Protein backbone atom coordinates (compact mmCIF):
# COMPACT_ATOMS: atom_id res chain seq x y z
CA ALA A 1 -30.44 2.74 11.59
CA GLU A 2 -27.76 0.92 9.76
CA ASP A 3 -25.04 3.42 8.19
CA PRO A 4 -25.27 3.77 4.55
CA ALA A 5 -21.63 2.56 4.13
CA TYR A 6 -22.87 -0.98 4.65
CA PRO A 7 -24.93 -1.59 1.62
CA ILE A 8 -22.01 -0.09 -0.42
CA ILE A 9 -19.43 -2.23 1.08
CA ARG A 10 -21.78 -5.50 0.72
CA LYS A 11 -21.89 -4.87 -2.84
CA ALA A 12 -18.08 -4.20 -3.23
CA ILE A 13 -17.59 -7.51 -1.37
CA GLU A 14 -19.96 -9.23 -3.94
CA LYS A 15 -17.90 -7.80 -6.88
CA ARG A 16 -14.56 -8.48 -5.22
CA LYS A 17 -13.99 -11.86 -6.94
CA PHE A 18 -15.13 -10.47 -10.27
CA TYR A 19 -12.53 -7.66 -10.40
CA LEU A 20 -9.84 -9.98 -8.86
CA THR A 21 -10.22 -12.51 -11.79
CA GLN A 22 -11.20 -9.86 -14.54
CA VAL A 23 -7.66 -9.64 -16.30
CA ASP A 24 -5.89 -12.61 -17.47
CA GLU A 25 -2.68 -10.89 -18.31
CA TYR A 26 -1.12 -7.40 -18.68
CA SER A 27 2.14 -5.55 -19.02
CA CYS A 28 2.97 -2.02 -17.88
CA ASP A 29 5.79 0.46 -17.50
CA VAL A 30 6.65 1.43 -13.81
CA TYR A 31 8.68 4.08 -12.03
CA VAL A 32 9.52 3.65 -8.42
CA LYS A 33 11.24 6.03 -6.11
CA GLY A 34 12.19 5.35 -2.40
CA LEU A 35 13.47 7.48 0.33
CA GLN A 36 14.54 6.70 3.88
CA LYS A 37 15.55 9.02 6.81
CA ILE A 38 17.12 8.63 10.08
CA THR A 39 15.47 11.28 12.26
CA LYS A 40 17.07 10.40 15.62
CA TYR A 41 19.70 8.11 17.01
CA PRO A 42 21.31 7.58 20.44
CA GLU A 43 24.74 8.90 21.30
CA LYS A 44 25.91 5.43 22.34
CA PHE A 45 24.88 1.98 21.36
CA PHE A 46 25.69 -0.79 23.92
CA GLY A 47 28.25 1.34 25.30
CA VAL A 48 29.73 2.02 21.82
CA GLU A 49 29.78 5.75 20.55
CA VAL A 50 27.44 6.03 17.56
CA ASN A 51 28.79 7.92 14.48
CA LEU A 52 26.66 7.31 11.39
CA GLY A 53 29.44 9.47 9.47
CA GLU A 54 28.96 8.76 5.85
CA LEU A 55 25.90 6.67 6.33
CA VAL A 56 23.51 9.54 6.72
CA ASP A 57 23.55 12.98 5.06
CA SER A 58 24.26 15.42 7.80
CA THR A 59 21.80 18.15 6.52
CA THR A 60 18.78 15.95 5.52
CA GLY A 61 19.21 12.90 7.45
CA ILE A 62 18.68 10.80 4.26
CA ALA A 63 20.13 7.52 4.62
CA TYR A 64 18.91 5.78 1.47
CA LEU A 65 17.45 6.98 -1.96
CA SER A 66 16.70 4.77 -4.84
CA GLU A 67 15.04 5.27 -8.30
CA SER A 68 14.05 2.61 -10.84
CA VAL A 69 12.42 2.08 -14.17
CA SER A 70 11.14 -1.32 -15.22
CA LYS A 71 8.64 -3.27 -17.35
CA LEU A 72 6.31 -5.45 -15.58
CA GLN A 73 4.31 -8.42 -16.93
CA TYR A 74 1.65 -10.40 -15.25
CA LYS A 75 -0.22 -13.52 -16.27
CA LYS A 76 -2.72 -15.75 -14.40
CA PRO A 77 -2.62 -17.25 -11.99
CA ASP A 78 0.91 -16.09 -10.36
CA LYS A 79 3.44 -15.67 -13.43
CA VAL A 80 5.31 -12.26 -12.86
CA LYS A 81 8.31 -10.96 -14.84
CA GLU A 82 10.06 -7.83 -14.21
CA VAL A 83 12.60 -6.42 -16.51
CA MET A 84 14.67 -3.84 -14.79
CA ILE A 85 15.64 -0.95 -17.35
CA SER A 86 17.48 1.41 -15.13
CA SER A 87 18.07 1.64 -11.47
CA LYS A 88 20.05 4.06 -9.16
CA VAL A 89 20.72 3.68 -5.53
CA SER A 90 22.32 5.84 -3.19
CA GLY A 91 23.11 4.95 0.57
CA SER A 92 22.37 1.83 2.45
CA ASN A 93 18.77 0.45 3.13
CA ARG A 94 18.24 0.61 6.91
CA ALA A 95 14.44 -0.57 6.93
CA PHE A 96 12.80 -2.32 4.26
CA SER A 97 12.52 -2.05 0.52
CA PHE A 98 9.80 -1.80 -2.08
CA ASN A 99 12.34 -1.17 -4.90
CA GLN A 100 10.80 -3.65 -7.32
CA ALA A 101 7.32 -3.04 -8.88
CA SER A 102 6.29 -6.62 -7.99
CA ASP A 103 6.75 -5.83 -4.51
CA MET A 104 4.24 -2.84 -4.49
CA GLU A 105 1.26 -4.92 -5.32
CA PHE A 106 -1.16 -4.58 -2.64
CA ASN A 107 -4.24 -6.16 -4.25
CA PHE A 108 -7.23 -5.31 -1.95
CA TYR A 109 -9.43 -7.62 -4.08
CA GLU A 110 -7.53 -10.44 -2.41
CA ASN A 111 -9.07 -11.64 0.98
CA ILE A 112 -5.79 -11.56 2.69
CA ILE A 113 -2.90 -9.19 1.56
CA PRO A 114 0.55 -10.69 2.07
CA ALA A 115 3.21 -8.30 3.48
CA GLU A 116 6.62 -9.98 3.67
CA GLY A 117 8.67 -8.69 6.37
CA LEU A 118 5.78 -7.08 8.22
CA SER A 119 3.74 -10.04 9.10
CA GLN A 120 3.84 -13.93 8.61
CA ARG A 121 0.00 -14.11 8.41
CA GLY A 122 -0.85 -11.27 6.04
CA PHE A 123 -3.74 -8.70 6.47
CA ILE A 124 -7.36 -8.80 5.95
CA SER A 125 -8.70 -6.64 3.06
CA PRO A 126 -11.55 -4.07 4.02
CA ILE A 127 -13.65 -5.88 1.30
CA ALA A 128 -12.66 -9.52 2.03
CA SER A 129 -15.45 -12.14 2.03
CA SER A 130 -15.23 -12.16 5.95
CA ALA A 131 -14.65 -8.32 6.19
CA LEU A 132 -17.90 -7.57 8.28
CA PHE A 133 -16.56 -9.79 11.11
CA TYR A 134 -13.36 -7.63 11.37
CA TYR A 135 -14.61 -4.08 10.31
CA ARG A 136 -17.09 -1.37 11.18
CA TYR A 137 -17.88 1.17 8.35
CA ARG A 138 -19.15 4.73 8.09
CA LEU A 139 -19.96 6.69 5.07
CA GLU A 140 -18.05 9.80 5.22
CA GLY A 141 -19.29 11.38 2.02
CA SER A 142 -19.45 11.19 -1.87
CA PHE A 143 -17.96 13.17 -4.65
CA TYR A 144 -18.33 13.22 -8.44
CA GLU A 145 -15.39 12.58 -10.49
CA ASN A 146 -15.31 11.77 -14.46
CA GLY A 147 -18.99 10.67 -14.71
CA HIS A 148 -18.95 8.58 -11.54
CA TRP A 149 -19.99 9.08 -7.90
CA ILE A 150 -17.29 8.03 -5.44
CA ASN A 151 -18.23 7.27 -1.86
CA LYS A 152 -15.60 7.74 0.85
CA ILE A 153 -15.87 5.03 3.58
CA ALA A 154 -14.23 5.14 6.84
CA VAL A 155 -12.86 1.80 7.87
CA LEU A 156 -12.68 0.88 11.54
CA PRO A 157 -11.29 -2.30 13.20
CA LYS A 158 -13.73 -4.07 15.46
CA ARG A 159 -10.87 -5.18 17.74
CA LYS A 160 -7.28 -4.55 18.64
CA GLY A 161 -4.99 -7.18 17.87
CA ASP A 162 -6.59 -8.27 14.57
CA PRO A 163 -4.66 -8.01 11.31
CA VAL A 164 -6.47 -5.27 9.85
CA PHE A 165 -6.32 -1.93 8.20
CA GLU A 166 -7.89 1.33 9.46
CA GLY A 167 -8.32 4.63 7.27
CA PHE A 168 -10.54 5.11 4.17
CA ILE A 169 -11.64 3.18 1.14
CA PHE A 170 -13.10 4.91 -1.89
CA ILE A 171 -15.65 2.79 -3.74
CA GLN A 172 -17.20 3.82 -7.22
CA ASP A 173 -20.99 3.87 -7.21
CA SER A 174 -22.93 1.42 -9.50
CA THR A 175 -19.63 -0.49 -10.63
CA TRP A 176 -18.55 -1.08 -6.83
CA ARG A 177 -15.00 -1.23 -7.75
CA ILE A 178 -12.30 0.29 -5.79
CA HIS A 179 -11.43 3.87 -6.71
CA SER A 180 -8.71 4.44 -4.36
CA THR A 181 -7.56 3.68 -0.76
CA ASP A 182 -5.92 5.56 2.25
CA LEU A 183 -5.15 2.86 4.74
CA TRP A 184 -2.84 2.24 7.51
CA LEU A 185 -1.49 -0.38 9.63
CA THR A 186 -0.17 0.41 13.24
CA LYS A 187 1.22 -1.95 16.01
CA ASP A 188 -2.41 -2.92 16.99
CA ALA A 189 -2.32 -4.90 13.81
CA GLN A 190 0.71 -6.59 15.00
CA ILE A 191 3.02 -5.33 12.26
CA GLN A 192 6.73 -5.93 12.62
CA PHE A 193 9.79 -3.62 12.45
CA VAL A 194 7.87 -0.45 11.53
CA ASP A 195 5.47 1.42 13.77
CA THR A 196 3.08 2.66 11.13
CA LEU A 197 2.67 1.90 7.37
CA ARG A 198 0.24 3.88 5.21
CA VAL A 199 -0.94 2.51 1.99
CA ILE A 200 -2.24 5.19 -0.44
CA GLN A 201 -3.50 3.73 -3.80
CA VAL A 202 -5.27 5.04 -6.80
CA TYR A 203 -6.82 2.84 -9.57
CA ILE A 204 -6.90 4.22 -13.29
CA PRO A 205 -8.63 3.09 -16.37
CA ALA A 206 -6.40 0.48 -18.11
CA ASN A 207 -8.14 0.19 -21.43
CA LYS A 208 -10.05 2.53 -24.03
CA ASN A 209 -13.53 1.35 -22.98
CA GLU A 210 -12.53 2.21 -19.27
CA ASP A 211 -14.25 -0.95 -17.97
CA ILE A 212 -10.85 -2.33 -16.58
CA TRP A 213 -9.30 -0.27 -13.85
CA LEU A 214 -5.78 -1.25 -12.44
CA GLN A 215 -3.32 0.21 -10.09
CA GLY A 216 -2.10 3.74 -11.34
CA SER A 217 -0.07 4.68 -8.34
CA VAL A 218 0.85 3.60 -4.86
CA THR A 219 2.62 5.12 -2.22
CA PHE A 220 3.86 3.46 1.15
CA GLN A 221 4.95 5.88 3.98
CA PHE A 222 6.20 4.40 7.10
CA VAL A 223 7.73 5.38 10.51
CA PHE A 224 10.17 3.12 12.32
CA SER A 225 11.90 2.90 15.76
CA PHE A 226 14.47 0.41 17.11
CA MET A 227 16.66 0.55 20.00
CA GLY A 228 16.86 4.35 20.08
CA PHE A 229 17.12 4.78 16.22
CA GLU A 230 14.07 6.47 14.70
CA GLY A 231 13.22 7.33 11.15
CA ASP A 232 10.63 7.55 8.31
CA GLY A 233 10.52 7.18 4.61
CA ASN A 234 8.31 6.40 1.69
CA PHE A 235 8.45 4.52 -1.58
CA VAL A 236 6.28 5.78 -4.64
CA GLY A 237 5.31 3.56 -7.44
CA VAL A 238 3.67 5.06 -10.73
CA PHE A 239 2.31 2.35 -13.35
CA SER A 240 1.54 3.57 -16.86
CA GLY A 241 1.02 2.16 -20.43
CA TYR A 242 -0.97 -0.78 -19.61
């Protein structure tokens, strides 16, 4: 028999365009914190002794730390304005950065999620209009939260090499909106520079009627390796005051 996840995913795909175009414009406050660490590096690089010295904290391995507070404004179809209120950066960025709130917008209601620096072609959303061609699904369970049933659905790529996610997507019952995500990209999805990128996203009610839900928080966790250098890091964005 068909897994119970499929009717839920079909409903979410049907509602995708509605939630994508539901809001004409908004503004919000954003706090972003980023951290990058070097966990391993070679003694020599092309015959030259490697001495990171002041670039990496010898105790923690931290190479980069940043914090920022900004005001983000969006208006259809693609007008984005971000005013940086405060920003603090320590160290040097050795990987890639999501310091700006506008860089942290992974909208899974889009068919294709662009990811500059990771892929030229972007990645296919688990609820894209063509998602059933690229993904398999499995219902892992459900839980009750604030008057809503939330379905936890495993997202499984059908083929290696496709630009797709794997992990879990949480769909709210009856409204079929995204409640949250815990998805990741690996080398199988042909990402560049990093080995793994995990996207943990939570949506929150953005108005008093609670019929509009927008991104409340997003966390990017990544692991990278290059020419004997290895490291990891994360960027966390908190969105409030819609």
